[in-house]
C-alpha atoms as a PDB file:
ATOM      1  CA  MET A   1      20.990 -54.606   9.329  1.00  0.00           C
ATOM      2  CA  ILE A   2      21.320 -53.091  13.146  1.00  0.00           C
ATOM      3  CA  LYS A   3      24.868 -52.272  12.285  1.00  0.00           C
ATOM      4  CA  ARG A   4      23.824 -50.317   8.640  1.00  0.00           C
ATOM      5  CA  ARG A   5      20.916 -48.630  10.888  1.00  0.00           C
ATOM      6  CA  LEU A   6      23.687 -47.453  13.755  1.00  0.00           C
ATOM      7  CA  GLN A   7      26.105 -45.817  10.282  1.00  0.00           C
ATOM      8  CA  ILE A   8      22.859 -44.034   9.567  1.00  0.00           C
ATOM      9  CA  ALA A   9      22.039 -42.890  13.070  1.00  0.00           C
ATOM     10  CA  SER A  10      25.486 -41.434  14.357  1.00  0.00           C
ATOM     11  CA  ALA A  11      25.934 -39.921  10.060  1.00  0.00           C
ATOM     12  CA  SER A  12      22.500 -38.140  11.071  1.00  0.00           C
ATOM     13  CA  LEU A  13      24.080 -37.215  14.158  1.00  0.00           C
ATOM     14  CA  LEU A  14      27.112 -35.495  13.017  1.00  0.00           C
ATOM     15  CA  GLY A  15      25.254 -33.760  10.510  1.00  0.00           C
ATOM     16  CA  ALA A  16      23.485 -32.296  13.032  1.00  0.00           C
ATOM     17  CA  PHE A  17      25.601 -31.315  15.176  1.00  0.00           C
ATOM     18  CA  ALA A  18      28.053 -29.622  12.495  1.00  0.00           C
ATOM     19  CA  LEU A  19      25.150 -27.921  11.529  1.00  0.00           C
ATOM     20  CA  SER A  20      24.333 -26.666  14.416  1.00  0.00           C
ATOM     21  CA  ALA A  21      28.198 -25.575  14.684  1.00  0.00           C
ATOM     22  CA  CYS A  22      27.384 -22.792  11.925  1.00  0.00           C
ATOM     23  CA  ALA A  23      24.993 -21.150  13.082  1.00  0.00           C
ATOM     24  CA  GLY A  24      26.504 -20.277  16.488  1.00  0.00           C
ATOM     25  CA  GLY A  25      29.044 -17.724  14.362  1.00  0.00           C
ATOM     26  CA  ASN A  26      25.693 -15.923  12.972  1.00  0.00           C
ATOM     27  CA  ASP A  27      25.255 -12.829  15.169  1.00  0.00           C
ATOM     28  CA  LEU A  28      24.020 -10.254  12.672  1.00  0.00           C
ATOM     29  CA  PRO A  29      21.896  -7.432  14.133  1.00  0.00           C
ATOM     30  CA  ASN A  30      18.090  -8.111  13.241  1.00  0.00           C
ATOM     31  CA  ALA A  31      17.009  -4.383  11.627  1.00  0.00           C
ATOM     32  CA  ASP A  32      14.010  -2.624  13.514  1.00  0.00           C
ATOM     33  CA  VAL A  33      12.064  -1.268  10.656  1.00  0.00           C
ATOM     34  CA  ALA A  34       8.870  -1.313   9.230  1.00  0.00           C
ATOM     35  CA  ALA A  35       8.351  -3.835   6.742  1.00  0.00           C
ATOM     36  CA  SER A  36       7.620  -1.737   3.235  1.00  0.00           C
ATOM     37  CA  GLN A  37       5.319  -4.363   2.577  1.00  0.00           C
ATOM     38  CA  VAL A  38       2.506  -4.815   4.783  1.00  0.00           C
ATOM     39  CA  THR A  39      -1.017  -6.715   3.797  1.00  0.00           C
ATOM     40  CA  THR A  40      -3.062  -7.968   6.383  1.00  0.00           C
ATOM     41  CA  ILE A  41      -5.539  -6.140   4.298  1.00  0.00           C
ATOM     42  CA  GLY A  42      -4.898  -7.431   0.714  1.00  0.00           C
ATOM     43  CA  VAL A  43      -2.862  -4.240  -0.756  1.00  0.00           C
ATOM     44  CA  ASN A  44      -0.380  -2.613   0.807  1.00  0.00           C
ATOM     45  CA  SER A  45      -1.686  -0.585   4.412  1.00  0.00           C
ATOM     46  CA  TYR A  46       0.302   2.179   3.771  1.00  0.00           C
ATOM     47  CA  LEU A  47      -0.485   3.276   0.911  1.00  0.00           C
ATOM     48  CA  TRP A  48      -4.710   2.326   1.637  1.00  0.00           C
ATOM     49  CA  ARG A  49      -4.323   4.358   5.017  1.00  0.00           C
ATOM     50  CA  ALA A  50      -2.931   7.011   3.097  1.00  0.00           C
ATOM     51  CA  SER A  51      -5.128   6.828  -0.098  1.00  0.00           C
ATOM     52  CA  LEU A  52      -8.640   7.246   2.370  1.00  0.00           C
ATOM     53  CA  GLU A  53      -7.223  10.320   4.224  1.00  0.00           C
ATOM     54  CA  ALA A  54      -6.295  12.060   1.070  1.00  0.00           C
ATOM     55  CA  VAL A  55      -9.982  11.479   0.063  1.00  0.00           C
ATOM     56  CA  SER A  56     -11.428  12.432   3.140  1.00  0.00           C
ATOM     57  CA  PHE A  57     -13.507  15.293   1.951  1.00  0.00           C
ATOM     58  CA  ALA A  58     -15.121  13.516  -0.234  1.00  0.00           C
ATOM     59  CA  PRO A  59     -17.904  11.116   0.341  1.00  0.00           C
ATOM     60  CA  LEU A  60     -17.163   7.482  -0.699  1.00  0.00           C
ATOM     61  CA  LEU A  61     -19.139   5.557  -3.254  1.00  0.00           C
ATOM     62  CA  GLN A  62     -16.866   2.331  -2.341  1.00  0.00           C
ATOM     63  CA  ALA A  63     -14.029   1.205  -0.401  1.00  0.00           C
ATOM     64  CA  ASP A  64     -13.249  -2.307  -1.104  1.00  0.00           C
ATOM     65  CA  SER A  65      -9.435  -3.207   1.003  1.00  0.00           C
ATOM     66  CA  ALA A  66      -9.288  -6.507  -0.372  1.00  0.00           C
ATOM     67  CA  GLY A  67      -8.969  -4.940  -4.315  1.00  0.00           C
ATOM     68  CA  GLY A  68      -7.319  -2.193  -3.139  1.00  0.00           C
ATOM     69  CA  VAL A  69     -10.205   0.406  -4.876  1.00  0.00           C
ATOM     70  CA  ILE A  70     -11.557   3.514  -3.487  1.00  0.00           C
ATOM     71  CA  VAL A  71     -13.700   5.408  -5.479  1.00  0.00           C
ATOM     72  CA  THR A  72     -15.251   8.645  -4.378  1.00  0.00           C
ATOM     73  CA  ASP A  73     -18.791  10.409  -5.170  1.00  0.00           C
ATOM     74  CA  TRP A  74     -19.009  13.391  -6.722  1.00  0.00           C
ATOM     75  CA  TYR A  75     -17.536  16.302  -4.579  1.00  0.00           C
ATOM     76  CA  ALA A  76     -18.384  20.328  -5.233  1.00  0.00           C
ATOM     77  CA  ASN A  77     -16.199  22.164  -3.568  1.00  0.00           C
ATOM     78  CA  PRO A  78     -18.263  24.775  -1.441  1.00  0.00           C
ATOM     79  CA  GLN A  79     -16.452  27.797  -3.093  1.00  0.00           C
ATOM     80  CA  ASN A  80     -16.865  26.883  -6.328  1.00  0.00           C
ATOM     81  CA  PRO A  81     -19.921  24.905  -6.654  1.00  0.00           C
ATOM     82  CA  GLY A  82     -20.386  24.766 -10.399  1.00  0.00           C
ATOM     83  CA  GLU A  83     -17.595  22.298 -11.083  1.00  0.00           C
ATOM     84  CA  ARG A  84     -17.465  18.864  -9.483  1.00  0.00           C
ATOM     85  CA  VAL A  85     -15.200  16.091  -9.042  1.00  0.00           C
ATOM     86  CA  LYS A  86     -15.242  12.410  -8.711  1.00  0.00           C
ATOM     87  CA  LEU A  87     -12.052  10.645  -7.434  1.00  0.00           C
ATOM     88  CA  THR A  88     -10.577   6.606  -7.924  1.00  0.00           C
ATOM     89  CA  ILE A  89      -7.936   5.325  -6.592  1.00  0.00           C
ATOM     90  CA  SER A  90      -6.418   1.812  -6.779  1.00  0.00           C
ATOM     91  CA  ILE A  91      -3.174   0.388  -5.623  1.00  0.00           C
ATOM     92  CA  LEU A  92      -2.174  -2.446  -7.487  1.00  0.00           C
ATOM     93  CA  ASP A  93       0.402  -3.367  -5.583  1.00  0.00           C
ATOM     94  CA  GLN A  94       1.487  -5.001  -2.078  1.00  0.00           C
ATOM     95  CA  ASP A  95       4.444  -2.867  -2.020  1.00  0.00           C
ATOM     96  CA  LEU A  96       4.868   0.685  -1.060  1.00  0.00           C
ATOM     97  CA  ARG A  97       6.079   1.838  -4.504  1.00  0.00           C
ATOM     98  CA  ALA A  98       4.677   4.788  -6.674  1.00  0.00           C
ATOM     99  CA  ASP A  99       3.994   2.398  -9.242  1.00  0.00           C
ATOM    100  CA  ALA A 100       1.516   0.517  -6.994  1.00  0.00           C
ATOM    101  CA  LEU A 101      -0.876   3.954  -6.994  1.00  0.00           C
ATOM    102  CA  ARG A 102      -2.759   5.075  -9.786  1.00  0.00           C
ATOM    103  CA  VAL A 103      -5.373   7.281  -9.475  1.00  0.00           C
ATOM    104  CA  ALA A 104      -8.185   8.642 -11.887  1.00  0.00           C
ATOM    105  CA  ALA A 105     -10.235  12.285 -11.627  1.00  0.00           C
ATOM    106  CA  SER A 106     -13.305  13.096 -13.371  1.00  0.00           C
ATOM    107  CA  ARG A 107     -14.422  16.517 -13.516  1.00  0.00           C
ATOM    108  CA  GLN A 108     -17.476  18.058 -14.553  1.00  0.00           C
ATOM    109  CA  VAL A 109     -18.606  21.879 -14.541  1.00  0.00           C
ATOM    110  CA  ASN A 110     -22.332  22.912 -14.430  1.00  0.00           C
ATOM    111  CA  GLN A 111     -23.850  24.545 -17.374  1.00  0.00           C
ATOM    112  CA  GLY A 112     -27.160  25.486 -17.711  1.00  0.00           C
ATOM    113  CA  GLY A 113     -28.148  23.764 -15.359  1.00  0.00           C
ATOM    114  CA  ASN A 114     -26.736  20.580 -16.217  1.00  0.00           C
ATOM    115  CA  TRP A 115     -23.247  18.778 -15.292  1.00  0.00           C
ATOM    116  CA  VAL A 116     -21.153  18.405 -18.569  1.00  0.00           C
ATOM    117  CA  ASP A 117     -17.321  16.260 -18.509  1.00  0.00           C
ATOM    118  CA  ALA A 118     -14.459  18.386 -18.568  1.00  0.00           C
ATOM    119  CA  PRO A 119     -10.810  17.819 -19.002  1.00  0.00           C
ATOM    120  CA  VAL A 120      -8.926  17.389 -16.118  1.00  0.00           C
ATOM    121  CA  GLN A 121      -5.654  18.500 -15.722  1.00  0.00           C
ATOM    122  CA  ALA A 122      -2.578  16.218 -15.335  1.00  0.00           C
ATOM    123  CA  ALA A 123      -0.981  17.685 -12.902  1.00  0.00           C
ATOM    124  CA  THR A 124      -4.160  17.481 -10.419  1.00  0.00           C
ATOM    125  CA  VAL A 125      -3.959  14.037 -10.466  1.00  0.00           C
ATOM    126  CA  GLN A 126       0.201  14.085 -10.155  1.00  0.00           C
ATOM    127  CA  LYS A 127      -0.762  16.247  -7.159  1.00  0.00           C
ATOM    128  CA  LEU A 128      -3.258  13.828  -5.460  1.00  0.00           C
ATOM    129  CA  GLU A 129      -0.947  11.012  -5.935  1.00  0.00           C
ATOM    130  CA  ASP A 130       2.440  12.884  -4.569  1.00  0.00           C
ATOM    131  CA  ILE A 131       0.372  13.818  -1.438  1.00  0.00           C
ATOM    132  CA  ILE A 132      -0.157   9.788  -1.159  1.00  0.00           C
ATOM    133  CA  LEU A 133       2.774   8.788  -1.316  1.00  0.00           C
ATOM    134  CA  THR A 134       3.850  11.395   0.498  1.00  0.00           C
ATOM    135  CA  LYS A 135       1.396  10.638   3.527  1.00  0.00           C
ATOM    136  CA  ALA A 136       2.559   6.917   3.191  1.00  0.00           C
ATOM    137  CA  ARG A 137       5.778   7.049   3.359  1.00  0.00           C
ATOM    138  CA  ALA A 138       5.336   9.243   6.639  1.00  0.00           C
ATOM    139  CA  LEU A 139       3.277   6.373   8.153  1.00  0.00           C
ATOM    140  CA  ARG A 140       6.119   3.713   7.533  1.00  0.00           C
ATOM    141  CA  ARG A 141       8.560   6.316   9.184  1.00  0.00           C
ATOM    142  CA  GLN A 142       5.941   6.684  11.802  1.00  0.00           C
ATOM    143  CA  ALA A 143       6.110   2.582  12.058  1.00  0.00           C
ATOM    144  CA  ILE A 144       9.753   2.509  12.514  1.00  0.00           C
ATOM    145  CA  ALA A 145      10.236   5.291  14.746  1.00  0.00           C
ATOM    146  CA  SER A 146       7.873   3.268  17.277  1.00  0.00           C
END
């Protein structure tokens, strides 16, 4: 019984030494890159911060960082008070990717004192998505540089 235990202990030690020798030759440099997946708040923090900055002109109704949803209240540009918009931004993934972002916009125009729904041009939503993604990538680059 003692002889068997000594054999097992010897084999374990030899195996440990053999494996430790393998680790010594792995001198690969560590990449100093900011992760594209930063999730301390539940969603990608670069997309979250960029989204908040992009809609900072409008008052917020809801900002849920765990669920990745930002909803603005109605906003009317002072230079065009007869039109107002409301935005909903959803961050769908923890990675910094274009398909992790969805923007929805509602638009209303004032007709005779009543707000009436009006169509939103698809290019408007696409432009806002591009602004958010560009800003998120810039925030990631800043994190890499520092």
